[in-house]
Protein backbone atom coordinates (compact mmCIF):
# COMPACT_ATOMS: atom_id res chain seq x y z
CA UNK A 1 -4.32 -31.84 109.74
CA UNK A 2 -6.04 -32.78 113.00
CA UNK A 3 -5.81 -36.47 112.06
CA UNK A 4 -2.07 -36.09 111.53
CA UNK A 5 -1.58 -34.48 114.95
CA UNK A 6 -3.55 -37.33 116.57
CA UNK A 7 -1.31 -39.89 114.82
CA UNK A 8 1.82 -38.03 115.90
CA UNK A 9 0.63 -38.04 119.52
CA UNK A 10 0.01 -41.82 119.33
CA UNK A 11 3.46 -42.43 117.84
CA UNK A 12 5.10 -40.26 120.51
CA UNK A 13 3.44 -42.38 123.21
CA UNK A 14 4.86 -45.61 121.79
CA UNK A 15 8.28 -47.06 122.57
CA UNK A 16 9.16 -47.75 118.93
CA UNK A 17 11.65 -46.40 116.44
CA UNK A 18 10.01 -44.60 113.55
CA UNK A 19 10.80 -43.98 109.91
CA UNK A 20 9.35 -40.83 108.37
CA UNK A 21 9.17 -40.76 104.59
CA UNK A 22 8.11 -37.99 102.25
CA UNK A 23 9.14 -35.67 99.48
CA UNK A 24 11.87 -33.08 99.95
CA UNK A 25 10.65 -30.01 101.80
CA UNK A 26 7.47 -31.42 103.36
CA UNK A 27 8.67 -31.04 106.96
CA UNK A 28 9.85 -34.53 107.92
CA UNK A 29 12.49 -33.16 110.27
CA UNK A 30 10.00 -30.79 111.93
CA UNK A 31 7.68 -33.73 112.64
CA UNK A 32 10.60 -35.87 113.86
CA UNK A 33 11.68 -33.15 116.31
CA UNK A 34 8.09 -32.70 117.52
CA UNK A 35 7.57 -36.44 118.05
CA UNK A 36 10.88 -36.71 119.88
CA UNK A 37 10.06 -33.80 122.22
CA UNK A 38 6.67 -35.34 123.06
CA UNK A 39 8.08 -38.82 123.69
CA UNK A 40 9.34 -40.27 126.95
CA UNK A 41 12.79 -40.24 125.30
CA UNK A 42 12.69 -36.50 124.64
CA UNK A 43 15.41 -35.75 127.18
CA UNK A 44 17.90 -37.97 125.30
CA UNK A 45 19.71 -37.07 122.07
CA UNK A 46 17.86 -37.88 118.85
CA UNK A 47 19.69 -39.70 116.07
CA UNK A 48 18.76 -38.51 112.57
CA UNK A 49 19.87 -40.04 109.31
CA UNK A 50 19.03 -38.96 105.78
CA UNK A 51 18.58 -42.24 103.94
CA UNK A 52 18.52 -40.57 100.53
CA UNK A 53 22.16 -39.55 101.02
CA UNK A 54 23.21 -43.08 101.98
CA UNK A 55 24.40 -45.45 99.22
CA UNK A 56 22.24 -48.60 99.07
CA UNK A 57 25.25 -50.88 99.60
CA UNK A 58 26.04 -49.16 102.94
CA UNK A 59 22.49 -48.88 104.28
CA UNK A 60 22.39 -52.19 106.17
CA UNK A 61 25.72 -51.68 107.95
CA UNK A 62 24.88 -48.05 108.81
CA UNK A 63 21.45 -48.90 110.22
CA UNK A 64 22.27 -52.19 111.97
CA UNK A 65 26.05 -51.98 112.48
CA UNK A 66 28.54 -54.79 112.05
CA UNK A 67 31.06 -56.91 113.92
CA UNK A 68 34.79 -57.01 113.32
CA UNK A 69 35.60 -59.53 110.58
CA UNK A 70 32.02 -59.80 109.30
CA UNK A 71 33.12 -58.72 105.81
CA UNK A 72 36.28 -57.73 103.94
CA UNK A 73 37.95 -54.67 105.52
CA UNK A 74 35.78 -54.87 108.68
CA UNK A 75 38.78 -54.37 110.97
CA UNK A 76 36.59 -53.05 113.82
CA UNK A 77 33.04 -53.36 115.12
CA UNK A 78 30.60 -50.50 114.61
CA UNK A 79 27.26 -49.76 116.28
CA UNK A 80 24.38 -49.14 113.93
CA UNK A 81 22.11 -46.12 114.00
CA UNK A 82 19.26 -48.13 115.56
CA UNK A 83 21.48 -49.18 118.47
CA UNK A 84 22.81 -45.64 118.92
CA UNK A 85 19.25 -44.31 118.97
CA UNK A 86 18.02 -46.91 121.46
CA UNK A 87 17.14 -44.39 124.20
CA UNK A 88 16.87 -41.25 122.11
């Protein structure tokens, strides 16, 4: 467990987005909240997304966004989750 806490502290000190993976019920959200609070972005809102609930065909546009006209029925531009989470 001590090794995990050390890794979490290193991740919190970085300026990178993170992806936490694991089985249901292992505490991914608890670790995400802890990392966010420790980070220099902790005062900003955190953006969470449950990828398991997201259909594979929508994952790219949800994570990275899209521009108006980039595909059929794209009648507006939309920011992706990574862009929305830029400072959080």
